[in-house]
PDB file of N, CA and C in Angstrom:
ATOM      1  N   MET A   1     126.399 111.527  82.696  1.00  0.00           N
ATOM      2  CA  MET A   1     125.677 111.630  84.039  1.00  0.00           C
ATOM      3  C   MET A   1     126.121 112.813  84.754  1.00  0.00           C
ATOM      4  N   TRP A   2     127.530 113.085  84.659  1.00  0.00           N
ATOM      5  CA  TRP A   2     127.999 114.258  85.447  1.00  0.00           C
ATOM      6  C   TRP A   2     127.361 115.621  84.891  1.00  0.00           C
ATOM      7  N   LYS A   3     127.104 115.619  83.673  1.00  0.00           N
ATOM      8  CA  LYS A   3     126.460 116.821  83.067  1.00  0.00           C
ATOM      9  C   LYS A   3     125.170 117.074  83.635  1.00  0.00           C
ATOM     10  N   CYS A   4     124.390 115.953  83.832  1.00  0.00           N
ATOM     11  CA  CYS A   4     123.013 116.137  84.402  1.00  0.00           C
ATOM     12  C   CYS A   4     123.167 116.398  85.909  1.00  0.00           C
ATOM     13  N   LEU A   5     124.049 115.840  86.566  1.00  0.00           N
ATOM     14  CA  LEU A   5     124.207 116.274  88.017  1.00  0.00           C
ATOM     15  C   LEU A   5     124.757 117.750  88.187  1.00  0.00           C
ATOM     16  N   SER A   6     125.547 118.226  87.274  1.00  0.00           N
ATOM     17  CA  SER A   6     126.101 119.530  87.320  1.00  0.00           C
ATOM     18  C   SER A   6     125.023 120.591  87.180  1.00  0.00           C
ATOM     19  N   ARG A   7     123.872 120.289  86.440  1.00  0.00           N
ATOM     20  CA  ARG A   7     122.908 121.228  86.290  1.00  0.00           C
ATOM     21  C   ARG A   7     121.841 121.310  87.487  1.00  0.00           C
ATOM     22  N   ILE A   8     121.964 120.354  88.442  1.00  0.00           N
ATOM     23  CA  ILE A   8     121.126 120.385  89.618  1.00  0.00           C
ATOM     24  C   ILE A   8     121.585 121.433  90.581  1.00  0.00           C
ATOM     25  N   ALA A   9     120.676 122.285  90.869  1.00  0.00           N
ATOM     26  CA  ALA A   9     121.128 123.455  91.822  1.00  0.00           C
ATOM     27  C   ALA A   9     120.978 122.957  93.258  1.00  0.00           C
ATOM     28  N   ILE A  10     121.584 123.636  94.147  1.00  0.00           N
ATOM     29  CA  ILE A  10     121.516 123.152  95.587  1.00  0.00           C
ATOM     30  C   ILE A  10     120.262 123.399  96.137  1.00  0.00           C
ATOM     31  N   GLU A  11     119.551 124.398  95.713  1.00  0.00           N
ATOM     32  CA  GLU A  11     118.126 124.654  96.318  1.00  0.00           C
ATOM     33  C   GLU A  11     117.218 123.452  96.003  1.00  0.00           C
ATOM     34  N   GLN A  12     117.304 122.879  94.728  1.00  0.00           N
ATOM     35  CA  GLN A  12     116.444 121.806  94.362  1.00  0.00           C
ATOM     36  C   GLN A  12     116.808 120.499  95.222  1.00  0.00           C
ATOM     37  N   THR A  13     118.154 120.371  95.374  1.00  0.00           N
ATOM     38  CA  THR A  13     118.581 119.245  96.248  1.00  0.00           C
ATOM     39  C   THR A  13     118.087 119.358  97.614  1.00  0.00           C
ATOM     40  N   LEU A  14     118.232 120.525  98.158  1.00  0.00           N
ATOM     41  CA  LEU A  14     117.789 120.810  99.503  1.00  0.00           C
ATOM     42  C   LEU A  14     116.398 120.499  99.757  1.00  0.00           C
ATOM     43  N   LEU A  15     115.505 120.998  98.811  1.00  0.00           N
ATOM     44  CA  LEU A  15     114.055 120.814  98.913  1.00  0.00           C
ATOM     45  C   LEU A  15     113.739 119.309  98.882  1.00  0.00           C
ATOM     46  N   MET A  16     114.280 118.624  97.953  1.00  0.00           N
ATOM     47  CA  MET A  16     114.000 117.156  97.912  1.00  0.00           C
ATOM     48  C   MET A  16     114.511 116.420  99.060  1.00  0.00           C
ATOM     49  N   SER A  17     115.580 116.727  99.647  1.00  0.00           N
ATOM     50  CA  SER A  17     116.184 116.211 100.851  1.00  0.00           C
ATOM     51  C   SER A  17     115.299 116.449 101.977  1.00  0.00           C
ATOM     52  N   CYS A  18     114.744 117.727 102.090  1.00  0.00           N
ATOM     53  CA  CYS A  18     113.863 117.975 103.256  1.00  0.00           C
ATOM     54  C   CYS A  18     112.618 117.220 103.158  1.00  0.00           C
ATOM     55  N   LEU A  19     112.128 117.121 101.922  1.00  0.00           N
ATOM     56  CA  LEU A  19     110.826 116.357 101.897  1.00  0.00           C
ATOM     57  C   LEU A  19     111.078 114.787 102.218  1.00  0.00           C
ATOM     58  N   ALA A  20     112.220 114.203 101.696  1.00  0.00           N
ATOM     59  CA  ALA A  20     112.441 112.860 102.080  1.00  0.00           C
ATOM     60  C   ALA A  20     112.767 112.722 103.532  1.00  0.00           C
ATOM     61  N   LEU A  21     113.361 113.685 104.195  1.00  0.00           N
ATOM     62  CA  LEU A  21     113.649 113.642 105.546  1.00  0.00           C
ATOM     63  C   LEU A  21     112.220 113.638 106.353  1.00  0.00           C
ATOM     64  N   ALA A  22     111.406 114.465 105.964  1.00  0.00           N
ATOM     65  CA  ALA A  22     110.065 114.614 106.620  1.00  0.00           C
ATOM     66  C   ALA A  22     109.312 113.310 106.579  1.00  0.00           C
ATOM     67  N   ILE A  23     109.285 112.655 105.408  1.00  0.00           N
ATOM     68  CA  ILE A  23     108.559 111.398 105.223  1.00  0.00           C
ATOM     69  C   ILE A  23     109.311 110.340 106.083  1.00  0.00           C
ATOM     70  N   SER A  24     110.609 110.276 106.061  1.00  0.00           N
ATOM     71  CA  SER A  24     111.344 109.299 106.829  1.00  0.00           C
ATOM     72  C   SER A  24     111.071 109.414 108.254  1.00  0.00           C
ATOM     73  N   GLU A  25     111.112 110.649 108.691  1.00  0.00           N
ATOM     74  CA  GLU A  25     110.953 110.852 110.260  1.00  0.00           C
ATOM     75  C   GLU A  25     109.523 110.391 110.686  1.00  0.00           C
ATOM     76  N   HIS A  26     108.502 110.715 109.882  1.00  0.00           N
ATOM     77  CA  HIS A  26     107.240 110.242 110.144  1.00  0.00           C
ATOM     78  C   HIS A  26     107.090 108.776 110.248  1.00  0.00           C
ATOM     79  N   ALA A  27     107.733 108.128 109.275  1.00  0.00           N
ATOM     80  CA  ALA A  27     107.676 106.682 109.214  1.00  0.00           C
ATOM     81  C   ALA A  27     108.454 106.109 110.421  1.00  0.00           C
ATOM     82  N   ALA A  28     109.561 106.701 110.635  1.00  0.00           N
ATOM     83  CA  ALA A  28     110.317 106.176 111.855  1.00  0.00           C
ATOM     84  C   ALA A  28     109.594 106.360 113.157  1.00  0.00           C
ATOM     85  N   PHE A  29     108.881 107.425 113.368  1.00  0.00           N
ATOM     86  CA  PHE A  29     108.126 107.716 114.490  1.00  0.00           C
ATOM     87  C   PHE A  29     107.027 106.642 114.654  1.00  0.00           C
ATOM     88  N   ASN A  30     106.294 106.395 113.499  1.00  0.00           N
ATOM     89  CA  ASN A  30     105.282 105.379 113.593  1.00  0.00           C
ATOM     90  C   ASN A  30     105.792 104.075 113.782  1.00  0.00           C
ATOM     91  N   LEU A  31     107.057 103.668 113.315  1.00  0.00           N
ATOM     92  CA  LEU A  31     107.593 102.474 113.543  1.00  0.00           C
ATOM     93  C   LEU A  31     107.968 102.232 114.991  1.00  0.00           C
ATOM     94  N   MET A  32     108.609 103.330 115.652  1.00  0.00           N
ATOM     95  CA  MET A  32     108.822 103.327 117.101  1.00  0.00           C
ATOM     96  C   MET A  32     107.614 102.945 117.921  1.00  0.00           C
ATOM     97  N   PHE A  33     106.496 103.711 117.457  1.00  0.00           N
ATOM     98  CA  PHE A  33     105.226 103.563 118.224  1.00  0.00           C
ATOM     99  C   PHE A  33     104.788 102.135 118.139  1.00  0.00           C
ATOM    100  N   GLN A  34     104.724 101.570 116.954  1.00  0.00           N
ATOM    101  CA  GLN A  34     104.212 100.210 116.749  1.00  0.00           C
ATOM    102  C   GLN A  34     105.097  99.190 117.580  1.00  0.00           C
ATOM    103  N   LYS A  35     106.447  99.410 117.496  1.00  0.00           N
ATOM    104  CA  LYS A  35     107.291  98.494 118.197  1.00  0.00           C
ATOM    105  C   LYS A  35     107.093  98.651 119.714  1.00  0.00           C
ATOM    106  N   ALA A  36     106.890  99.885 120.186  1.00  0.00           N
ATOM    107  CA  ALA A  36     106.640 100.001 121.642  1.00  0.00           C
ATOM    108  C   ALA A  36     105.267  99.408 122.077  1.00  0.00           C
ATOM    109  N   CYS A  37     104.381  99.481 121.082  1.00  0.00           N
ATOM    110  CA  CYS A  37     102.949  98.851 121.391  1.00  0.00           C
ATOM    111  C   CYS A  37     102.927  97.436 121.524  1.00  0.00           C
ATOM    112  N   ASP A  38     103.711  96.690 120.629  1.00  0.00           N
ATOM    113  CA  ASP A  38     103.761  95.208 120.801  1.00  0.00           C
ATOM    114  C   ASP A  38     105.105  94.714 120.443  1.00  0.00           C
ATOM    115  N   SER A  39     106.056  94.883 121.298  1.00  0.00           N
ATOM    116  CA  SER A  39     107.382  94.547 120.826  1.00  0.00           C
ATOM    117  C   SER A  39     107.685  93.002 121.121  1.00  0.00           C
ATOM    118  N   THR A  40     106.762  92.326 121.789  1.00  0.00           N
ATOM    119  CA  THR A  40     107.086  90.926 122.071  1.00  0.00           C
ATOM    120  C   THR A  40     106.528  89.985 121.018  1.00  0.00           C
ATOM    121  N   THR A  41     105.852  90.469 120.139  1.00  0.00           N
ATOM    122  CA  THR A  41     105.264  89.594 119.081  1.00  0.00           C
ATOM    123  C   THR A  41     106.163  89.470 117.788  1.00  0.00           C
ATOM    124  N   ARG A  42     105.681  88.731 116.854  1.00  0.00           N
ATOM    125  CA  ARG A  42     106.498  88.582 115.668  1.00  0.00           C
ATOM    126  C   ARG A  42     106.103  89.572 114.581  1.00  0.00           C
ATOM    127  N   GLY A  43     105.192  90.428 114.835  1.00  0.00           N
ATOM    128  CA  GLY A  43     104.800  91.549 113.876  1.00  0.00           C
ATOM    129  C   GLY A  43     103.829  92.449 114.457  1.00  0.00           C
ATOM    130  N   PRO A  44     103.462  93.434 113.695  1.00  0.00           N
ATOM    131  CA  PRO A  44     102.534  94.508 114.372  1.00  0.00           C
ATOM    132  C   PRO A  44     101.105  94.011 114.423  1.00  0.00           C
ATOM    133  N   LEU A  45     100.718  93.621 115.651  1.00  0.00           N
ATOM    134  CA  LEU A  45      99.361  93.214 115.840  1.00  0.00           C
ATOM    135  C   LEU A  45      98.251  94.189 115.772  1.00  0.00           C
ATOM    136  N   TYR A  46      98.786  95.456 116.337  1.00  0.00           N
ATOM    137  CA  TYR A  46      97.762  96.461 116.541  1.00  0.00           C
ATOM    138  C   TYR A  46      97.808  97.599 115.498  1.00  0.00           C
ATOM    139  N   LEU A  47      98.292  97.218 114.245  1.00  0.00           N
ATOM    140  CA  LEU A  47      98.438  98.137 113.175  1.00  0.00           C
ATOM    141  C   LEU A  47      96.984  98.524 112.670  1.00  0.00           C
ATOM    142  N   GLY A  48      96.642  99.721 112.830  1.00  0.00           N
ATOM    143  CA  GLY A  48      95.319 100.375 112.595  1.00  0.00           C
ATOM    144  C   GLY A  48      94.283 100.023 113.587  1.00  0.00           C
ATOM    145  N   LYS A  49      94.746  99.500 114.626  1.00  0.00           N
ATOM    146  CA  LYS A  49      93.671  99.166 115.722  1.00  0.00           C
ATOM    147  C   LYS A  49      94.225 100.010 116.951  1.00  0.00           C
ATOM    148  N   HIS A  50      93.406  99.933 117.975  1.00  0.00           N
ATOM    149  CA  HIS A  50      93.645 100.627 119.247  1.00  0.00           C
ATOM    150  C   HIS A  50      94.688  99.691 120.080  1.00  0.00           C
ATOM    151  N   CYS A  51      95.853 100.470 120.415  1.00  0.00           N
ATOM    152  CA  CYS A  51      96.845  99.752 121.098  1.00  0.00           C
ATOM    153  C   CYS A  51      96.395  99.630 122.681  1.00  0.00           C
ATOM    154  N   PRO A  52      96.444  98.555 123.341  1.00  0.00           N
ATOM    155  CA  PRO A  52      96.061  98.427 124.738  1.00  0.00           C
ATOM    156  C   PRO A  52      97.084  99.156 125.655  1.00  0.00           C
ATOM    157  N   THR A  53      98.235  99.194 125.364  1.00  0.00           N
ATOM    158  CA  THR A  53      99.265  99.970 126.140  1.00  0.00           C
ATOM    159  C   THR A  53      99.640 101.313 125.413  1.00  0.00           C
ATOM    160  N   GLU A  54      98.675 102.013 124.968  1.00  0.00           N
ATOM    161  CA  GLU A  54      98.934 103.309 124.271  1.00  0.00           C
ATOM    162  C   GLU A  54      99.707 104.363 125.114  1.00  0.00           C
ATOM    163  N   ASP A  55      99.262 104.488 126.229  1.00  0.00           N
ATOM    164  CA  ASP A  55      99.992 105.555 127.258  1.00  0.00           C
ATOM    165  C   ASP A  55     101.499 105.166 127.450  1.00  0.00           C
ATOM    166  N   ASN A  56     101.808 103.976 127.660  1.00  0.00           N
ATOM    167  CA  ASN A  56     103.189 103.576 127.772  1.00  0.00           C
ATOM    168  C   ASN A  56     103.934 103.541 126.487  1.00  0.00           C
ATOM    169  N   ALA A  57     103.268 103.155 125.409  1.00  0.00           N
ATOM    170  CA  ALA A  57     103.969 103.248 124.095  1.00  0.00           C
ATOM    171  C   ALA A  57     104.208 104.768 123.719  1.00  0.00           C
ATOM    172  N   GLU A  58     103.225 105.715 123.963  1.00  0.00           N
ATOM    173  CA  GLU A  58     103.520 107.127 123.651  1.00  0.00           C
ATOM    174  C   GLU A  58     104.653 107.665 124.609  1.00  0.00           C
ATOM    175  N   LYS A  59     104.669 107.296 125.742  1.00  0.00           N
ATOM    176  CA  LYS A  59     105.775 107.793 126.643  1.00  0.00           C
ATOM    177  C   LYS A  59     107.109 107.289 126.135  1.00  0.00           C
ATOM    178  N   GLU A  60     107.235 106.017 125.760  1.00  0.00           N
ATOM    179  CA  GLU A  60     108.421 105.465 125.362  1.00  0.00           C
ATOM    180  C   GLU A  60     108.797 105.981 123.951  1.00  0.00           C
ATOM    181  N   THR A  61     107.801 106.255 123.135  1.00  0.00           N
ATOM    182  CA  THR A  61     108.112 106.825 121.772  1.00  0.00           C
ATOM    183  C   THR A  61     108.616 108.305 121.890  1.00  0.00           C
ATOM    184  N   ALA A  62     107.911 109.080 122.738  1.00  0.00           N
ATOM    185  CA  ALA A  62     108.320 110.448 122.963  1.00  0.00           C
ATOM    186  C   ALA A  62     109.821 110.525 123.599  1.00  0.00           C
ATOM    187  N   THR A  63     110.071 109.592 124.461  1.00  0.00           N
ATOM    188  CA  THR A  63     111.529 109.660 125.051  1.00  0.00           C
ATOM    189  C   THR A  63     112.555 109.246 123.930  1.00  0.00           C
ATOM    190  N   LEU A  64     112.251 108.215 123.221  1.00  0.00           N
ATOM    191  CA  LEU A  64     113.178 107.889 122.207  1.00  0.00           C
ATOM    192  C   LEU A  64     113.331 108.952 121.162  1.00  0.00           C
ATOM    193  N   SER A  65     112.130 109.742 120.765  1.00  0.00           N
ATOM    194  CA  SER A  65     112.281 110.697 119.814  1.00  0.00           C
ATOM    195  C   SER A  65     113.151 111.866 120.321  1.00  0.00           C
ATOM    196  N   VAL A  66     113.047 112.127 121.607  1.00  0.00           N
ATOM    197  CA  VAL A  66     114.052 113.171 122.165  1.00  0.00           C
ATOM    198  C   VAL A  66     115.477 112.773 122.104  1.00  0.00           C
ATOM    199  N   TYR A  67     115.710 111.524 122.397  1.00  0.00           N
ATOM    200  CA  TYR A  67     117.112 111.025 122.356  1.00  0.00           C
ATOM    201  C   TYR A  67     117.541 111.040 120.831  1.00  0.00           C
ATOM    202  N   LYS A  68     116.676 110.574 119.928  1.00  0.00           N
ATOM    203  CA  LYS A  68     117.029 110.557 118.577  1.00  0.00           C
ATOM    204  C   LYS A  68     117.374 112.043 118.055  1.00  0.00           C
ATOM    205  N   ALA A  69     116.623 112.920 118.427  1.00  0.00           N
ATOM    206  CA  ALA A  69     116.790 114.314 118.081  1.00  0.00           C
ATOM    207  C   ALA A  69     118.170 114.848 118.631  1.00  0.00           C
ATOM    208  N   MET A  70     118.399 114.582 119.866  1.00  0.00           N
ATOM    209  CA  MET A  70     119.711 114.958 120.457  1.00  0.00           C
ATOM    210  C   MET A  70     120.865 114.375 119.786  1.00  0.00           C
ATOM    211  N   LEU A  71     120.756 112.965 119.478  1.00  0.00           N
ATOM    212  CA  LEU A  71     121.792 112.271 118.783  1.00  0.00           C
ATOM    213  C   LEU A  71     122.048 112.932 117.418  1.00  0.00           C
ATOM    214  N   ASN A  72     120.977 113.151 116.740  1.00  0.00           N
ATOM    215  CA  ASN A  72     121.127 113.811 115.359  1.00  0.00           C
ATOM    216  C   ASN A  72     121.720 115.129 115.453  1.00  0.00           C
ATOM    217  N   ALA A  73     121.270 115.932 116.273  1.00  0.00           N
ATOM    218  CA  ALA A  73     121.873 117.398 116.407  1.00  0.00           C
ATOM    219  C   ALA A  73     123.264 117.345 116.783  1.00  0.00           C
ATOM    220  N   ALA A  74     123.702 116.468 117.771  1.00  0.00           N
ATOM    221  CA  ALA A  74     125.169 116.423 118.091  1.00  0.00           C
ATOM    222  C   ALA A  74     125.980 115.958 116.912  1.00  0.00           C
ATOM    223  N   THR A  75     125.476 114.923 116.142  1.00  0.00           N
ATOM    224  CA  THR A  75     126.268 114.430 115.031  1.00  0.00           C
ATOM    225  C   THR A  75     126.352 115.549 114.052  1.00  0.00           C
ATOM    226  N   VAL A  76     125.217 116.212 113.643  1.00  0.00           N
ATOM    227  CA  VAL A  76     125.407 117.333 112.800  1.00  0.00           C
ATOM    228  C   VAL A  76     126.321 118.419 113.170  1.00  0.00           C
ATOM    229  N   CYS A  77     126.369 118.815 114.498  1.00  0.00           N
ATOM    230  CA  CYS A  77     127.255 119.836 114.884  1.00  0.00           C
ATOM    231  C   CYS A  77     128.612 119.365 114.752  1.00  0.00           C
ATOM    232  N   LEU A  78     128.931 118.240 115.166  1.00  0.00           N
ATOM    233  CA  LEU A  78     130.398 117.741 115.007  1.00  0.00           C
ATOM    234  C   LEU A  78     130.811 117.600 113.546  1.00  0.00           C
ATOM    235  N   VAL A  79     129.994 117.091 112.691  1.00  0.00           N
ATOM    236  CA  VAL A  79     130.339 117.060 111.357  1.00  0.00           C
ATOM    237  C   VAL A  79     130.429 118.409 110.681  1.00  0.00           C
ATOM    238  N   LEU A  80     129.551 119.347 111.021  1.00  0.00           N
ATOM    239  CA  LEU A  80     129.639 120.634 110.434  1.00  0.00           C
ATOM    240  C   LEU A  80     130.899 121.477 110.856  1.00  0.00           C
ATOM    241  N   MET A  81     131.287 121.231 112.011  1.00  0.00           N
ATOM    242  CA  MET A  81     132.552 121.909 112.431  1.00  0.00           C
ATOM    243  C   MET A  81     133.763 121.717 111.545  1.00  0.00           C
ATOM    244  N   TYR A  82     133.883 120.406 111.104  1.00  0.00           N
ATOM    245  CA  TYR A  82     134.897 120.011 110.357  1.00  0.00           C
ATOM    246  C   TYR A  82     134.746 120.187 108.845  1.00  0.00           C
ATOM    247  N   ALA A  83     133.401 119.805 108.505  1.00  0.00           N
ATOM    248  CA  ALA A  83     133.051 119.840 107.000  1.00  0.00           C
ATOM    249  C   ALA A  83     132.860 121.243 106.491  1.00  0.00           C
ATOM    250  N   GLY A  84     132.550 122.215 107.274  1.00  0.00           N
ATOM    251  CA  GLY A  84     132.479 123.541 106.839  1.00  0.00           C
ATOM    252  C   GLY A  84     133.763 124.170 106.570  1.00  0.00           C
ATOM    253  N   ALA A  85     134.726 123.871 107.453  1.00  0.00           N
ATOM    254  CA  ALA A  85     136.176 124.357 107.144  1.00  0.00           C
ATOM    255  C   ALA A  85     136.775 123.582 105.986  1.00  0.00           C
ATOM    256  N   TRP A  86     136.458 122.297 105.817  1.00  0.00           N
ATOM    257  CA  TRP A  86     136.910 121.565 104.604  1.00  0.00           C
ATOM    258  C   TRP A  86     136.271 122.139 103.370  1.00  0.00           C
ATOM    259  N   SER A  87     135.100 122.499 103.358  1.00  0.00           N
ATOM    260  CA  SER A  87     134.387 123.018 102.166  1.00  0.00           C
ATOM    261  C   SER A  87     134.926 124.406 101.740  1.00  0.00           C
ATOM    262  N   ASP A  88     135.209 125.204 102.843  1.00  0.00           N
ATOM    263  CA  ASP A  88     135.785 126.609 102.448  1.00  0.00           C
ATOM    264  C   ASP A  88     137.115 126.502 101.940  1.00  0.00           C
ATOM    265  N   SER A  89     137.921 125.591 102.515  1.00  0.00           N
ATOM    266  CA  SER A  89     139.324 125.333 102.053  1.00  0.00           C
ATOM    267  C   SER A  89     139.419 124.815 100.598  1.00  0.00           C
ATOM    268  N   ARG A  90     138.347 124.053 100.210  1.00  0.00           N
ATOM    269  CA  ARG A  90     138.393 123.506  98.899  1.00  0.00           C
ATOM    270  C   ARG A  90     137.676 124.274  97.780  1.00  0.00           C
ATOM    271  N   GLY A  91     137.315 125.468  98.019  1.00  0.00           N
ATOM    272  CA  GLY A  91     136.613 126.366  97.112  1.00  0.00           C
ATOM    273  C   GLY A  91     135.131 126.195  97.218  1.00  0.00           C
ATOM    274  N   LYS A  92     134.668 126.094  98.376  1.00  0.00           N
ATOM    275  CA  LYS A  92     133.189 126.038  98.716  1.00  0.00           C
ATOM    276  C   LYS A  92     132.516 124.963  97.957  1.00  0.00           C
ATOM    277  N   LYS A  93     133.003 123.797  97.965  1.00  0.00           N
ATOM    278  CA  LYS A  93     132.396 122.619  97.386  1.00  0.00           C
ATOM    279  C   LYS A  93     131.420 122.070  98.298  1.00  0.00           C
ATOM    280  N   ARG A  94     130.108 122.354  98.050  1.00  0.00           N
ATOM    281  CA  ARG A  94     128.998 121.937  98.915  1.00  0.00           C
ATOM    282  C   ARG A  94     128.347 120.704  98.552  1.00  0.00           C
ATOM    283  N   LYS A  95     128.457 120.350  97.287  1.00  0.00           N
ATOM    284  CA  LYS A  95     127.648 119.138  96.890  1.00  0.00           C
ATOM    285  C   LYS A  95     128.149 117.844  97.548  1.00  0.00           C
ATOM    286  N   PRO A  96     129.588 117.622  97.725  1.00  0.00           N
ATOM    287  CA  PRO A  96     129.914 116.385  98.339  1.00  0.00           C
ATOM    288  C   PRO A  96     129.312 116.287  99.785  1.00  0.00           C
ATOM    289  N   LEU A  97     129.127 117.382 100.356  1.00  0.00           N
ATOM    290  CA  LEU A  97     128.499 117.340 101.744  1.00  0.00           C
ATOM    291  C   LEU A  97     127.040 117.016 101.665  1.00  0.00           C
ATOM    292  N   MET A  98     126.356 117.596 100.750  1.00  0.00           N
ATOM    293  CA  MET A  98     124.913 117.229 100.616  1.00  0.00           C
ATOM    294  C   MET A  98     124.830 115.786 100.222  1.00  0.00           C
ATOM    295  N   ILE A  99     125.637 115.241  99.324  1.00  0.00           N
ATOM    296  CA  ILE A  99     125.564 113.839  99.019  1.00  0.00           C
ATOM    297  C   ILE A  99     125.816 112.999 100.177  1.00  0.00           C
ATOM    298  N   LEU A 100     126.775 113.451 101.053  1.00  0.00           N
ATOM    299  CA  LEU A 100     127.040 112.551 102.369  1.00  0.00           C
ATOM    300  C   LEU A 100     125.822 112.664 103.158  1.00  0.00           C
ATOM    301  N   ALA A 101     125.074 113.763 103.282  1.00  0.00           N
ATOM    302  CA  ALA A 101     123.956 113.709 104.042  1.00  0.00           C
ATOM    303  C   ALA A 101     122.804 112.780 103.514  1.00  0.00           C
ATOM    304  N   ILE A 102     122.652 112.841 102.121  1.00  0.00           N
ATOM    305  CA  ILE A 102     121.652 112.009 101.508  1.00  0.00           C
ATOM    306  C   ILE A 102     121.962 110.536 101.707  1.00  0.00           C
ATOM    307  N   MET A 103     123.187 110.213 101.566  1.00  0.00           N
ATOM    308  CA  MET A 103     123.734 108.808 101.788  1.00  0.00           C
ATOM    309  C   MET A 103     123.397 108.368 103.208  1.00  0.00           C
ATOM    310  N   GLY A 104     123.599 109.325 104.118  1.00  0.00           N
ATOM    311  CA  GLY A 104     123.351 108.994 105.526  1.00  0.00           C
ATOM    312  C   GLY A 104     121.866 108.681 105.730  1.00  0.00           C
ATOM    313  N   GLN A 105     121.011 109.391 105.085  1.00  0.00           N
ATOM    314  CA  GLN A 105     119.513 109.258 105.147  1.00  0.00           C
ATOM    315  C   GLN A 105     119.064 107.993 104.449  1.00  0.00           C
ATOM    316  N   ILE A 106     119.738 107.571 103.456  1.00  0.00           N
ATOM    317  CA  ILE A 106     119.452 106.277 102.853  1.00  0.00           C
ATOM    318  C   ILE A 106     119.897 105.183 103.689  1.00  0.00           C
ATOM    319  N   VAL A 107     120.924 105.127 104.269  1.00  0.00           N
ATOM    320  CA  VAL A 107     121.404 104.138 105.285  1.00  0.00           C
ATOM    321  C   VAL A 107     120.324 104.000 106.391  1.00  0.00           C
ATOM    322  N   THR A 108     119.872 105.200 106.967  1.00  0.00           N
ATOM    323  CA  THR A 108     118.838 105.215 107.979  1.00  0.00           C
ATOM    324  C   THR A 108     117.554 104.592 107.500  1.00  0.00           C
ATOM    325  N   ASP A 109     117.176 104.899 106.372  1.00  0.00           N
ATOM    326  CA  ASP A 109     115.867 104.252 105.744  1.00  0.00           C
ATOM    327  C   ASP A 109     116.060 102.704 105.631  1.00  0.00           C
ATOM    328  N   ILE A 110     117.232 102.301 105.147  1.00  0.00           N
ATOM    329  CA  ILE A 110     117.476 100.844 105.018  1.00  0.00           C
ATOM    330  C   ILE A 110     117.375 100.187 106.302  1.00  0.00           C
ATOM    331  N   SER A 111     118.077 100.794 107.237  1.00  0.00           N
ATOM    332  CA  SER A 111     118.047 100.127 108.626  1.00  0.00           C
ATOM    333  C   SER A 111     116.681 100.102 109.210  1.00  0.00           C
ATOM    334  N   ASN A 112     115.819 101.124 108.945  1.00  0.00           N
ATOM    335  CA  ASN A 112     114.410 101.192 109.342  1.00  0.00           C
ATOM    336  C   ASN A 112     113.641  99.937 108.685  1.00  0.00           C
ATOM    337  N   MET A 113     113.903  99.743 107.404  1.00  0.00           N
ATOM    338  CA  MET A 113     113.362  98.576 106.656  1.00  0.00           C
ATOM    339  C   MET A 113     113.656  97.240 107.274  1.00  0.00           C
ATOM    340  N   PHE A 114     114.994  97.140 107.663  1.00  0.00           N
ATOM    341  CA  PHE A 114     115.548  95.995 108.369  1.00  0.00           C
ATOM    342  C   PHE A 114     114.829  95.899 109.683  1.00  0.00           C
ATOM    343  N   LEU A 115     114.644  96.807 110.457  1.00  0.00           N
ATOM    344  CA  LEU A 115     114.005  96.779 111.673  1.00  0.00           C
ATOM    345  C   LEU A 115     112.471  96.395 111.606  1.00  0.00           C
ATOM    346  N   SER A 116     111.915  96.826 110.471  1.00  0.00           N
ATOM    347  CA  SER A 116     110.536  96.434 110.320  1.00  0.00           C
ATOM    348  C   SER A 116     110.328  94.953 109.951  1.00  0.00           C
ATOM    349  N   TYR A 117     111.331  94.421 109.424  1.00  0.00           N
ATOM    350  CA  TYR A 117     111.342  93.051 108.990  1.00  0.00           C
ATOM    351  C   TYR A 117     111.563  92.125 110.158  1.00  0.00           C
ATOM    352  N   TYR A 118     112.594  92.487 110.960  1.00  0.00           N
ATOM    353  CA  TYR A 118     112.993  91.786 112.196  1.00  0.00           C
ATOM    354  C   TYR A 118     112.248  92.514 113.385  1.00  0.00           C
ATOM    355  N   TRP A 119     110.989  92.185 113.602  1.00  0.00           N
ATOM    356  CA  TRP A 119     110.161  92.782 114.507  1.00  0.00           C
ATOM    357  C   TRP A 119     110.617  92.717 115.940  1.00  0.00           C
ATOM    358  N   SER A 120     111.220  91.692 116.238  1.00  0.00           N
ATOM    359  CA  SER A 120     111.650  91.358 117.677  1.00  0.00           C
ATOM    360  C   SER A 120     112.743  92.314 118.168  1.00  0.00           C
ATOM    361  N   THR A 121     113.402  93.072 117.371  1.00  0.00           N
ATOM    362  CA  THR A 121     114.485  93.964 117.847  1.00  0.00           C
ATOM    363  C   THR A 121     113.766  95.077 118.656  1.00  0.00           C
ATOM    364  N   PRO A 122     114.498  95.629 119.666  1.00  0.00           N
ATOM    365  CA  PRO A 122     113.809  96.560 120.527  1.00  0.00           C
ATOM    366  C   PRO A 122     113.630  97.970 119.767  1.00  0.00           C
ATOM    367  N   SER A 123     112.621  98.622 120.198  1.00  0.00           N
ATOM    368  CA  SER A 123     112.243  99.981 119.565  1.00  0.00           C
ATOM    369  C   SER A 123     113.360 101.059 119.557  1.00  0.00           C
ATOM    370  N   TYR A 124     114.286 100.848 120.542  1.00  0.00           N
ATOM    371  CA  TYR A 124     115.332 101.993 120.672  1.00  0.00           C
ATOM    372  C   TYR A 124     116.237 101.845 119.609  1.00  0.00           C
ATOM    373  N   TRP A 125     116.326 100.731 118.839  1.00  0.00           N
ATOM    374  CA  TRP A 125     117.237 100.649 117.739  1.00  0.00           C
ATOM    375  C   TRP A 125     116.859 101.538 116.534  1.00  0.00           C
ATOM    376  N   VAL A 126     115.501 101.873 116.479  1.00  0.00           N
ATOM    377  CA  VAL A 126     114.957 102.819 115.585  1.00  0.00           C
ATOM    378  C   VAL A 126     115.572 104.143 115.723  1.00  0.00           C
ATOM    379  N   ALA A 127     115.657 104.499 117.076  1.00  0.00           N
ATOM    380  CA  ALA A 127     116.282 106.004 117.431  1.00  0.00           C
ATOM    381  C   ALA A 127     117.685 105.993 116.876  1.00  0.00           C
ATOM    382  N   LEU A 128     118.515 104.942 116.838  1.00  0.00           N
ATOM    383  CA  LEU A 128     119.843 105.047 116.544  1.00  0.00           C
ATOM    384  C   LEU A 128     119.913 105.306 114.993  1.00  0.00           C
TER     385      LEU A 128
END
């Protein structure tokens, strides 16, 4: 297995990670919107239909998206300050850092699946 992983270049990993991140962000944005549209019910009633509180749902989703982006950017900046120095002192080992980012994305996607199943949780939990 390690031989197979050693042949994977960083560029290929980065491309696949960016594609997965784009799909995940789109799904999380839609999940936030649907939760903001009908958060008091047991499931998405307006999925594929017009949301009666669309203006409020869009405002809440836009606000949560801004907070999510700021939280992600702050986390990335803090981790990169220390991880970059660690990588350079260990002989420029970048793969462990990329695996850490991929694992974080997997945890985020699993938590979004959990929040989809338990619909009564507030929509701001998706932003975390």
